[in-house]
């Protein structure tokens, strides 16, 4: 590798280098910060993310391949990295008071979040199955540790253990698929895989390899039948980490899925049939099981599964419109899901956890403004117009219909109607029940700013959806 090529590769991956370097510096500084002065770590972590974001936007003007075709900085990667930055910064803001209450505000907490961010960034830019694996492992190893960060709580330890075991199995499945692909094609680079196949792309060996890779990837987004870790991990992890995992790693998983599934080799294997079945079953399971949940975090876990299923419908649609619809869906989901988790995080104060749905009985009578925000987020998650959530689902349905998958669109609409019920059930608890006790939300300026920003995004995209759709189409692969 010549000096010029090395420089170009370093330039293309500069945001990732900034994040990793910043994490290492914070790890050292964290040992020098006195207890009680750890708020510095929050703002330092946010500064690292903002510097990386600035570097990403500065490099967004052209396509920059790097590291011998294993990495690329293109518009697709930039779009997802902006989503990752948004999720991470909002998680830091939500963590400021929550980490103090739970006693987890050490430097390692923020360092692990930054390293998980770097893994997601690598996944968005990876164009080789091995670089995908590197980013994937960097992300999940950090989230394993973060899940068990409440070391004094048994459910947190249990959630981390389940996550590690099941995550290890899914990684093994993915790597087995990679080994099969390499053995059959002689390459792991996505753009060379199809060109290396001289025979029938429907060769049973290739089909088996594709199935293993699909299985390894859908685990990361919580799709059926690899969803079993989601409810326990979401319930046991610190709520700020649950909020982060519900959006960031899920979006990173979809970024990889879109790159891999739109590869000519994978497309030729008619994998969309598998994806369509996974999407329908995932959304059905998430929607119906959520109906009987009493724990708010578990309900949101099954809600996350249902939304993953709906986004998978966009993957099944394929093409530039399908890709753009998934990208827009994930952006909107980041705003509304972080918003509703922000409410749950804010309710954690003293002995009050805010994790039981009944805790929100009569919330509208004691905190009207916060109840109105909950109403906005819940309506958006349900896909009720004119919120952004409605347009997120609408454009996925448009992509399905335009590709001729009318039956899939009908299934998606029917399952959305089921999902709307459990969101509306929470609204009824908030507005139709009498308060059962006094609420004392931990509403800090940082949490307030997060809720205001997510609410503005949920309303703003709902008012101007076409502009954001064009942004996604401009960044979409094949667009």
Protein backbone atom coordinates (compact mmCIF):
# COMPACT_ATOMS: atom_id res chain seq x y z
CA UNK A 1 0.00 0.00 0.00
CA UNK A 2 1.53 3.28 -1.14
CA UNK A 3 1.61 6.41 0.97
CA UNK A 4 -1.07 8.05 -1.22
CA UNK A 5 -3.40 5.06 -0.90
CA UNK A 6 -2.81 4.93 2.85
CA UNK A 7 -3.61 8.63 3.13
CA UNK A 8 -6.86 8.20 1.18
CA UNK A 9 -7.87 5.25 3.34
CA UNK A 10 -7.10 7.15 6.52
CA UNK A 11 -9.06 10.16 5.26
CA UNK A 12 -12.09 8.01 4.41
CA UNK A 13 -12.10 6.47 7.90
CA UNK A 14 -11.22 9.70 9.74
CA UNK A 15 -14.54 9.88 11.67
CA UNK A 16 -14.03 6.34 12.97
CA UNK A 17 -10.47 7.21 13.98
CA UNK A 18 -11.73 10.30 15.83
CA UNK A 19 -14.30 8.29 17.80
CA UNK A 20 -11.88 5.50 18.77
CA UNK A 21 -9.14 7.99 19.69
CA UNK A 22 -11.60 10.05 21.72
CA UNK A 23 -12.76 6.92 23.56
CA UNK A 24 -9.17 6.04 24.49
CA UNK A 25 -8.49 9.57 25.74
CA UNK A 26 -11.70 9.57 27.80
CA UNK A 27 -10.75 6.24 29.33
CA UNK A 28 -7.55 7.82 30.65
CA UNK A 29 -9.18 11.10 31.69
CA UNK A 30 -11.91 9.18 33.48
CA UNK A 31 -9.36 7.90 35.97
CA UNK A 32 -8.34 11.47 36.78
CA UNK A 33 -11.83 12.88 37.27
CA UNK A 34 -12.96 12.95 40.87
CA UNK A 35 -16.20 11.34 41.94
CA UNK A 36 -19.01 13.85 41.71
CA UNK A 37 -17.36 15.66 38.78
CA UNK A 38 -18.22 13.07 36.17
CA UNK A 39 -20.60 15.37 34.31
CA UNK A 40 -17.48 16.41 32.43
CA UNK A 41 -17.45 12.98 30.79
CA UNK A 42 -20.89 13.54 29.26
CA UNK A 43 -19.94 16.76 27.53
CA UNK A 44 -16.54 15.44 26.48
CA UNK A 45 -18.20 12.39 24.91
CA UNK A 46 -20.69 14.60 23.08
CA UNK A 47 -17.79 16.74 21.82
CA UNK A 48 -16.08 13.65 20.38
CA UNK A 49 -19.26 12.66 18.53
CA UNK A 50 -19.77 16.19 17.18
CA UNK A 51 -16.18 16.33 15.88
CA UNK A 52 -16.70 12.98 14.14
CA UNK A 53 -19.98 14.25 12.70
CA UNK A 54 -18.24 17.32 11.33
CA UNK A 55 -15.63 15.11 9.69
CA UNK A 56 -18.33 12.90 8.17
CA UNK A 57 -20.16 15.86 6.66
CA UNK A 58 -16.92 17.28 5.26
CA UNK A 59 -16.22 13.96 3.50
CA UNK A 60 -19.77 13.56 2.20
CA UNK A 61 -19.15 15.16 -1.17
CA UNK A 62 -17.70 12.14 -2.96
CA UNK A 63 -17.37 8.37 -2.83
CA UNK A 64 -14.14 7.30 -1.12
CA UNK A 65 -13.22 3.59 -1.28
CA UNK A 66 -10.57 2.54 1.22
CA UNK A 67 -8.52 -0.34 2.55
CA UNK A 68 -8.40 -2.34 -0.69
CA UNK A 69 -12.15 -2.33 -1.19
CA UNK A 70 -13.12 -3.35 2.34
CA UNK A 71 -14.46 0.06 3.36
CA UNK A 72 -16.23 2.92 1.63
CA UNK A 73 -17.33 6.42 2.58
CA UNK A 74 -20.39 7.14 0.44
CA UNK A 75 -23.76 8.88 0.81
CA UNK A 76 -25.37 5.70 2.10
CA UNK A 77 -22.81 5.42 4.91
CA UNK A 78 -23.07 9.14 5.69
CA UNK A 79 -26.84 8.90 6.15
CA UNK A 80 -26.57 6.04 8.62
CA UNK A 81 -23.66 7.62 10.48
CA UNK A 82 -25.72 10.76 11.01
CA UNK A 83 -28.45 8.57 12.52
CA UNK A 84 -25.83 6.91 14.76
CA UNK A 85 -24.50 10.29 15.90
CA UNK A 86 -28.01 11.46 16.67
CA UNK A 87 -28.80 8.35 18.72
CA UNK A 88 -25.51 8.46 20.62
CA UNK A 89 -25.68 12.16 21.53
CA UNK A 90 -29.28 11.81 22.74
CA UNK A 91 -28.28 8.74 24.78
CA UNK A 92 -25.51 10.77 26.44
CA UNK A 93 -27.98 13.51 27.32
CA UNK A 94 -30.48 11.02 28.72
CA UNK A 95 -27.70 9.34 30.70
CA UNK A 96 -26.59 12.46 32.56
CA UNK A 97 -29.09 12.20 35.44
CA UNK A 98 -29.98 8.52 35.03
CA UNK A 99 -26.36 7.36 35.37
CA UNK A 100 -26.08 9.33 38.61
CA UNK A 101 -29.26 7.76 40.02
CA UNK A 102 -28.19 4.23 39.10
CA UNK A 103 -24.55 4.78 40.06
CA UNK A 104 -23.15 3.83 36.65
CA UNK A 105 -21.67 7.16 35.60
CA UNK A 106 -18.09 5.90 35.34
CA UNK A 107 -15.85 6.69 32.38
CA UNK A 108 -16.14 3.09 31.14
CA UNK A 109 -19.86 3.64 30.50
CA UNK A 110 -19.23 6.50 28.07
CA UNK A 111 -16.16 4.85 26.53
CA UNK A 112 -18.13 1.70 25.73
CA UNK A 113 -20.88 3.76 24.11
CA UNK A 114 -18.29 5.50 21.92
CA UNK A 115 -16.68 2.20 20.95
CA UNK A 116 -20.10 0.75 20.13
CA UNK A 117 -20.67 3.83 17.96
CA UNK A 118 -17.40 3.19 16.12
CA UNK A 119 -18.49 -0.39 15.46
CA UNK A 120 -21.77 0.80 13.98
CA UNK A 121 -19.93 3.31 11.81
CA UNK A 122 -17.67 0.57 10.45
CA UNK A 123 -20.73 -1.57 9.70
CA UNK A 124 -22.32 1.24 7.68
CA UNK A 125 -19.19 1.67 5.55
CA UNK A 126 -18.13 -1.98 5.32
CA UNK A 127 -18.11 -3.50 1.81
CA UNK A 128 -16.48 -6.78 2.72
CA UNK A 129 -17.90 -9.58 4.86
CA UNK A 130 -14.80 -9.52 7.07
CA UNK A 131 -14.95 -5.77 7.72
CA UNK A 132 -18.65 -6.22 8.45
CA UNK A 133 -17.66 -8.82 11.03
CA UNK A 134 -15.10 -6.50 12.63
CA UNK A 135 -17.62 -3.71 13.01
CA UNK A 136 -20.29 -6.13 14.18
CA UNK A 137 -18.14 -7.61 16.92
CA UNK A 138 -16.89 -4.22 18.09
CA UNK A 139 -20.49 -3.09 18.47
CA UNK A 140 -21.92 -6.19 20.15
CA UNK A 141 -19.02 -6.76 22.56
CA UNK A 142 -19.59 -3.26 23.95
CA UNK A 143 -23.35 -3.74 24.19
CA UNK A 144 -22.83 -7.06 26.00
CA UNK A 145 -20.95 -5.23 28.75
CA UNK A 146 -23.34 -2.27 28.82
CA UNK A 147 -26.31 -4.62 29.20
CA UNK A 148 -24.85 -5.97 32.43
CA UNK A 149 -23.74 -2.60 33.78
CA UNK A 150 -26.23 -2.77 36.68
CA UNK A 151 -24.03 -5.32 38.38
CA UNK A 152 -26.04 -5.38 41.62
CA UNK A 153 -29.24 -6.41 39.83
CA UNK A 154 -29.77 -10.06 39.01
CA UNK A 155 -31.93 -9.35 35.97
CA UNK A 156 -29.17 -7.22 34.45
CA UNK A 157 -26.63 -10.01 34.90
CA UNK A 158 -29.08 -12.53 33.50
CA UNK A 159 -29.83 -10.34 30.48
CA UNK A 160 -26.13 -9.88 29.71
CA UNK A 161 -25.49 -13.63 29.97
CA UNK A 162 -28.37 -14.48 27.63
CA UNK A 163 -27.23 -11.81 25.19
CA UNK A 164 -23.65 -13.11 25.16
CA UNK A 165 -24.66 -16.73 24.60
CA UNK A 166 -27.23 -16.08 21.89
CA UNK A 167 -25.05 -13.39 20.30
CA UNK A 168 -22.14 -15.81 20.14
CA UNK A 169 -24.32 -18.40 18.40
CA UNK A 170 -25.52 -15.86 15.82
CA UNK A 171 -21.96 -14.72 15.17
CA UNK A 172 -20.90 -18.32 14.59
CA UNK A 173 -23.76 -18.77 12.14
CA UNK A 174 -22.74 -15.61 10.28
CA UNK A 175 -19.08 -16.65 10.11
CA UNK A 176 -20.02 -20.09 8.81
CA UNK A 177 -21.94 -18.39 5.99
CA UNK A 178 -18.91 -16.19 5.28
CA UNK A 179 -16.63 -19.24 5.11
CA UNK A 180 -19.00 -20.92 2.65
CA UNK A 181 -19.12 -17.80 0.48
CA UNK A 182 -15.33 -17.58 0.46
CA UNK A 183 -14.96 -21.24 -0.38
CA UNK A 184 -17.41 -21.00 -3.28
CA UNK A 185 -16.44 -17.62 -4.71
CA UNK A 186 -12.86 -17.08 -3.51
CA UNK A 187 -13.67 -13.61 -2.17
CA UNK A 188 -15.49 -11.90 0.69
CA UNK A 189 -15.90 -8.51 -1.01
CA UNK A 190 -19.53 -7.79 -1.77
CA UNK A 191 -18.97 -6.37 -5.26
CA UNK A 192 -16.84 -9.33 -6.33
CA UNK A 193 -19.00 -12.13 -4.98
CA UNK A 194 -21.47 -12.21 -7.89
CA UNK A 195 -18.74 -11.71 -10.49
CA UNK A 196 -16.85 -14.70 -9.09
CA UNK A 197 -19.76 -17.06 -9.72
CA UNK A 198 -19.38 -18.57 -13.16
CA UNK A 199 -22.09 -21.17 -12.78
CA UNK A 200 -25.69 -21.14 -11.57
CA UNK A 201 -26.24 -18.48 -8.89
CA UNK A 202 -28.92 -20.77 -7.45
CA UNK A 203 -26.30 -23.39 -6.60
CA UNK A 204 -27.40 -25.16 -3.36
CA UNK A 205 -24.09 -24.31 -1.71
CA UNK A 206 -24.52 -20.60 -2.42
CA UNK A 207 -28.12 -20.71 -1.24
CA UNK A 208 -27.01 -22.32 2.02
CA UNK A 209 -24.32 -19.67 2.49
CA UNK A 210 -26.84 -16.88 1.90
CA UNK A 211 -29.26 -18.43 4.41
CA UNK A 212 -26.55 -18.55 7.10
CA UNK A 213 -25.53 -14.94 6.47
CA UNK A 214 -29.19 -13.86 6.58
CA UNK A 215 -29.67 -15.72 9.87
CA UNK A 216 -26.63 -14.06 11.42
CA UNK A 217 -27.76 -10.59 10.40
CA UNK A 218 -31.44 -10.77 11.32
CA UNK A 219 -30.41 -11.66 14.88
CA UNK A 220 -28.90 -8.18 15.23
CA UNK A 221 -32.19 -6.47 14.33
CA UNK A 222 -34.29 -8.75 16.56
CA UNK A 223 -36.24 -10.48 13.81
CA UNK A 224 -37.98 -13.83 14.19
CA UNK A 225 -36.82 -16.55 14.78
CA UNK A 226 -33.79 -14.84 16.37
CA UNK A 227 -35.78 -12.45 18.55
CA UNK A 228 -35.76 -14.35 21.84
CA UNK A 229 -33.02 -12.21 23.38
CA UNK A 230 -34.80 -8.88 22.87
CA UNK A 231 -37.41 -8.80 25.70
CA UNK A 232 -35.06 -10.01 28.45
CA UNK A 233 -32.16 -7.82 27.35
CA UNK A 234 -34.34 -4.73 26.99
CA UNK A 235 -35.84 -5.29 30.44
CA UNK A 236 -32.58 -6.11 32.24
CA UNK A 237 -30.28 -3.50 30.71
CA UNK A 238 -30.07 0.07 32.05
CA UNK A 239 -32.93 1.96 30.40
CA UNK A 240 -30.56 4.35 28.64
CA UNK A 241 -28.76 1.38 27.08
CA UNK A 242 -32.11 -0.15 26.14
CA UNK A 243 -32.97 3.09 24.35
CA UNK A 244 -29.60 3.09 22.59
CA UNK A 245 -29.84 -0.57 21.53
CA UNK A 246 -33.41 -0.21 20.30
CA UNK A 247 -32.28 2.25 17.63
CA UNK A 248 -28.50 2.36 17.07
CA UNK A 249 -27.48 -1.29 16.66
CA UNK A 250 -30.79 -2.00 14.93
CA UNK A 251 -30.07 0.71 12.33
CA UNK A 252 -26.52 -0.63 11.92
CA UNK A 253 -27.92 -4.11 11.33
CA UNK A 254 -30.23 -2.79 8.64
CA UNK A 255 -27.36 -0.87 7.02
CA UNK A 256 -25.48 -4.15 6.61
CA UNK A 257 -28.60 -6.01 5.51
CA UNK A 258 -29.27 -3.46 2.77
CA UNK A 259 -25.71 -3.65 1.45
CA UNK A 260 -25.63 -7.45 1.54
CA UNK A 261 -29.15 -8.15 0.29
CA UNK A 262 -28.81 -5.83 -2.70
CA UNK A 263 -25.69 -7.66 -3.84
CA UNK A 264 -26.38 -9.31 -7.25
CA UNK A 265 -25.46 -12.75 -5.90
CA UNK A 266 -27.88 -12.50 -2.99
CA UNK A 267 -30.58 -10.92 -5.16
CA UNK A 268 -30.29 -13.76 -7.68
CA UNK A 269 -30.98 -16.30 -4.93
CA UNK A 270 -34.56 -14.98 -4.52
CA UNK A 271 -33.79 -14.24 -0.90
CA UNK A 272 -36.63 -11.71 -0.89
CA UNK A 273 -39.02 -14.64 -0.33
CA UNK A 274 -37.20 -15.50 2.91
CA UNK A 275 -37.14 -11.83 3.91
CA UNK A 276 -40.87 -11.43 3.23
CA UNK A 277 -41.71 -14.43 5.43
CA UNK A 278 -39.40 -13.17 8.19
CA UNK A 279 -40.98 -9.71 7.98
CA UNK A 280 -44.55 -10.99 8.26
CA UNK A 281 -43.84 -13.44 11.09
CA UNK A 282 -41.71 -10.89 12.97
CA UNK A 283 -44.34 -8.19 12.84
CA UNK A 284 -47.11 -10.63 13.79
CA UNK A 285 -45.24 -11.96 16.82
CA UNK A 286 -44.17 -8.53 18.03
CA UNK A 287 -47.68 -7.09 17.65
CA UNK A 288 -49.65 -9.90 19.27
CA UNK A 289 -47.29 -10.64 22.18
CA UNK A 290 -47.08 -6.93 23.05
CA UNK A 291 -50.84 -6.95 23.69
CA UNK A 292 -50.42 -8.82 27.00
CA UNK A 293 -47.36 -7.00 28.40
CA UNK A 294 -47.58 -5.09 31.69
CA UNK A 295 -43.93 -4.05 31.85
CA UNK A 296 -43.30 -0.93 29.75
CA UNK A 297 -39.78 -1.96 28.70
CA UNK A 298 -40.91 -5.43 27.62
CA UNK A 299 -43.79 -3.87 25.71
CA UNK A 300 -41.36 -1.58 23.93
CA UNK A 301 -39.15 -4.61 23.25
CA UNK A 302 -41.95 -6.37 21.40
CA UNK A 303 -42.81 -3.07 19.76
CA UNK A 304 -39.20 -2.94 18.53
CA UNK A 305 -39.60 -6.45 17.11
CA UNK A 306 -42.78 -5.41 15.31
CA UNK A 307 -41.09 -2.33 13.84
CA UNK A 308 -38.14 -4.45 12.71
CA UNK A 309 -40.64 -6.61 10.85
CA UNK A 310 -42.20 -3.61 9.16
CA UNK A 311 -38.79 -2.32 8.08
CA UNK A 312 -38.00 -5.79 6.69
CA UNK A 313 -40.94 -5.34 4.33
CA UNK A 314 -38.99 -2.46 2.79
CA UNK A 315 -35.98 -4.76 2.38
CA UNK A 316 -38.23 -7.32 0.67
CA UNK A 317 -39.45 -4.63 -1.72
CA UNK A 318 -35.86 -3.95 -2.78
CA UNK A 319 -34.80 -1.40 -5.36
CA UNK A 320 -33.91 2.21 -4.68
CA UNK A 321 -37.40 3.03 -3.38
CA UNK A 322 -37.39 0.10 -0.97
CA UNK A 323 -33.95 1.04 0.35
CA UNK A 324 -34.95 4.71 0.76
CA UNK A 325 -38.15 3.72 2.59
CA UNK A 326 -36.16 1.64 5.10
CA UNK A 327 -33.65 4.45 5.63
CA UNK A 328 -36.42 6.99 6.24
CA UNK A 329 -38.18 4.51 8.53
CA UNK A 330 -35.09 4.10 10.70
CA UNK A 331 -34.53 7.87 10.93
CA UNK A 332 -38.12 8.44 12.06
CA UNK A 333 -37.98 5.48 14.42
CA UNK A 334 -34.93 7.02 16.09
CA UNK A 335 -36.88 10.17 16.98
CA UNK A 336 -40.08 8.59 18.25
CA UNK A 337 -38.50 5.64 20.06
CA UNK A 338 -35.84 7.68 21.84
CA UNK A 339 -38.61 10.10 22.79
CA UNK A 340 -40.76 7.47 24.47
CA UNK A 341 -37.73 5.95 26.18
CA UNK A 342 -36.80 9.44 27.36
CA UNK A 343 -40.10 9.56 29.26
CA UNK A 344 -39.40 6.18 30.88
CA UNK A 345 -35.86 7.25 31.81
CA UNK A 346 -37.17 10.49 33.29
CA UNK A 347 -39.62 8.56 35.50
CA UNK A 348 -36.73 6.72 37.20
CA UNK A 349 -36.33 8.69 40.38
CA UNK A 350 -35.95 7.48 43.94
CA UNK A 351 -37.76 4.17 44.38
CA UNK A 352 -39.95 4.81 41.34
CA UNK A 353 -38.84 2.88 38.23
CA UNK A 354 -41.49 3.94 35.71
CA UNK A 355 -41.23 0.49 34.10
CA UNK A 356 -44.76 -0.66 34.95
CA UNK A 357 -47.53 0.62 32.70
CA UNK A 358 -49.84 1.13 35.69
CA UNK A 359 -47.38 3.71 37.04
CA UNK A 360 -48.61 6.06 34.31
CA UNK A 361 -52.24 5.97 35.42
CA UNK A 362 -53.61 9.50 35.51
CA UNK A 363 -50.34 10.93 34.22
CA UNK A 364 -52.26 13.50 32.16
CA UNK A 365 -53.79 15.01 35.29
CA UNK A 366 -50.50 15.56 37.08
CA UNK A 367 -48.13 16.30 34.17
CA UNK A 368 -50.09 17.48 31.16
CA UNK A 369 -47.12 18.51 29.05
CA UNK A 370 -45.30 15.20 29.49
CA UNK A 371 -48.53 13.28 28.88
CA UNK A 372 -48.98 15.19 25.62
CA UNK A 373 -45.46 14.22 24.57
CA UNK A 374 -46.22 10.59 25.35
CA UNK A 375 -49.37 10.86 23.26
CA UNK A 376 -47.32 12.21 20.34
CA UNK A 377 -44.72 9.44 20.52
CA UNK A 378 -47.29 6.67 20.99
CA UNK A 379 -49.41 7.90 18.07
CA UNK A 380 -46.29 8.09 15.91
CA UNK A 381 -45.25 4.55 16.87
CA UNK A 382 -48.77 3.41 16.02
CA UNK A 383 -48.55 5.13 12.62
CA UNK A 384 -51.42 7.56 13.15
CA UNK A 385 -51.38 10.63 10.83
CA UNK A 386 -50.11 13.28 10.66
CA UNK A 387 -47.18 12.12 12.79
CA UNK A 388 -43.88 11.05 11.23
CA UNK A 389 -44.58 7.41 12.08
CA UNK A 390 -47.48 7.38 9.62
CA UNK A 391 -45.24 8.46 6.74
CA UNK A 392 -42.55 5.99 7.77
CA UNK A 393 -45.01 3.16 7.22
CA UNK A 394 -46.69 4.82 4.24
CA UNK A 395 -43.53 4.96 2.12
CA UNK A 396 -42.70 1.31 2.88
CA UNK A 397 -46.20 0.39 1.69
CA UNK A 398 -45.75 2.51 -1.44
CA UNK A 399 -42.49 0.68 -2.21
CA UNK A 400 -44.23 -2.68 -1.79
CA UNK A 401 -47.15 -1.76 -4.05
CA UNK A 402 -44.92 -0.29 -6.75
CA UNK A 403 -42.90 -3.52 -6.82
CA UNK A 404 -46.10 -5.56 -7.15
CA UNK A 405 -46.13 -6.99 -3.61
CA UNK A 406 -49.70 -5.96 -2.88
CA UNK A 407 -50.42 -8.90 -0.61
CA UNK A 408 -47.41 -8.04 1.57
CA UNK A 409 -48.71 -4.48 1.84
CA UNK A 410 -52.13 -5.75 2.95
CA UNK A 411 -50.50 -7.97 5.60
CA UNK A 412 -48.43 -5.02 6.84
CA UNK A 413 -51.53 -2.82 7.16
CA UNK A 414 -53.52 -5.46 9.05
CA UNK A 415 -50.70 -6.11 11.49
CA UNK A 416 -50.23 -2.36 12.00
CA UNK A 417 -53.85 -2.20 13.12
CA UNK A 418 -53.12 -4.86 15.75
CA UNK A 419 -50.01 -2.99 16.90
CA UNK A 420 -51.95 0.25 17.24
CA UNK A 421 -54.09 -1.31 19.98
CA UNK A 422 -51.37 -1.69 22.59
CA UNK A 423 -50.17 1.87 22.03
CA UNK A 424 -53.69 3.21 22.42
CA UNK A 425 -54.09 1.08 25.57
CA UNK A 426 -51.27 3.08 27.16
CA UNK A 427 -52.93 6.33 26.08
CA UNK A 428 -56.12 5.21 27.85
CA UNK A 429 -54.15 4.47 31.03
CA UNK A 430 -52.62 7.94 30.89
CA UNK A 431 -55.82 9.86 30.16
CA UNK A 432 -58.70 7.71 31.43
CA UNK A 433 -57.41 6.52 34.82
CA UNK A 434 -57.09 8.26 38.14
CA UNK A 435 -53.58 8.83 39.53
CA UNK A 436 -52.42 6.09 41.92
CA UNK A 437 -49.64 8.11 43.51
CA UNK A 438 -47.48 11.21 43.26
CA UNK A 439 -45.08 11.51 40.35
CA UNK A 440 -41.69 13.15 40.71
CA UNK A 441 -40.01 12.86 37.28
CA UNK A 442 -36.28 13.51 37.06
CA UNK A 443 -36.77 16.24 34.48
CA UNK A 444 -33.39 17.89 33.95
CA UNK A 445 -32.45 20.44 31.26
CA UNK A 446 -30.62 17.68 29.34
CA UNK A 447 -33.66 15.38 29.37
CA UNK A 448 -35.94 18.29 28.53
CA UNK A 449 -33.77 19.23 25.54
CA UNK A 450 -33.82 15.60 24.37
CA UNK A 451 -37.60 15.39 24.59
CA UNK A 452 -38.01 18.71 22.80
CA UNK A 453 -35.66 17.66 20.01
CA UNK A 454 -37.28 14.26 19.49
CA UNK A 455 -40.75 15.82 19.55
CA UNK A 456 -39.66 18.41 16.99
CA UNK A 457 -38.30 15.63 14.77
CA UNK A 458 -41.47 13.57 15.11
CA UNK A 459 -43.63 16.55 14.19
CA UNK A 460 -41.25 18.08 11.64
CA UNK A 461 -40.84 14.96 9.52
CA UNK A 462 -44.60 14.46 9.72
CA UNK A 463 -45.13 17.96 8.30
CA UNK A 464 -42.41 17.76 5.62
CA UNK A 465 -42.02 14.06 4.82
CA UNK A 466 -41.23 14.55 1.13
CA UNK A 467 -38.04 16.50 1.88
CA UNK A 468 -36.71 13.78 4.15
CA UNK A 469 -37.71 11.09 1.65
CA UNK A 470 -35.69 12.84 -1.06
CA UNK A 471 -32.76 12.97 1.33
CA UNK A 472 -33.03 9.20 1.84
CA UNK A 473 -33.44 8.58 -1.89
CA UNK A 474 -30.36 10.65 -2.62
CA UNK A 475 -28.37 8.54 -0.18
CA UNK A 476 -29.87 5.16 -1.06
CA UNK A 477 -27.87 2.46 -2.79
CA UNK A 478 -28.94 2.43 -6.41
CA UNK A 479 -30.64 5.79 -6.04
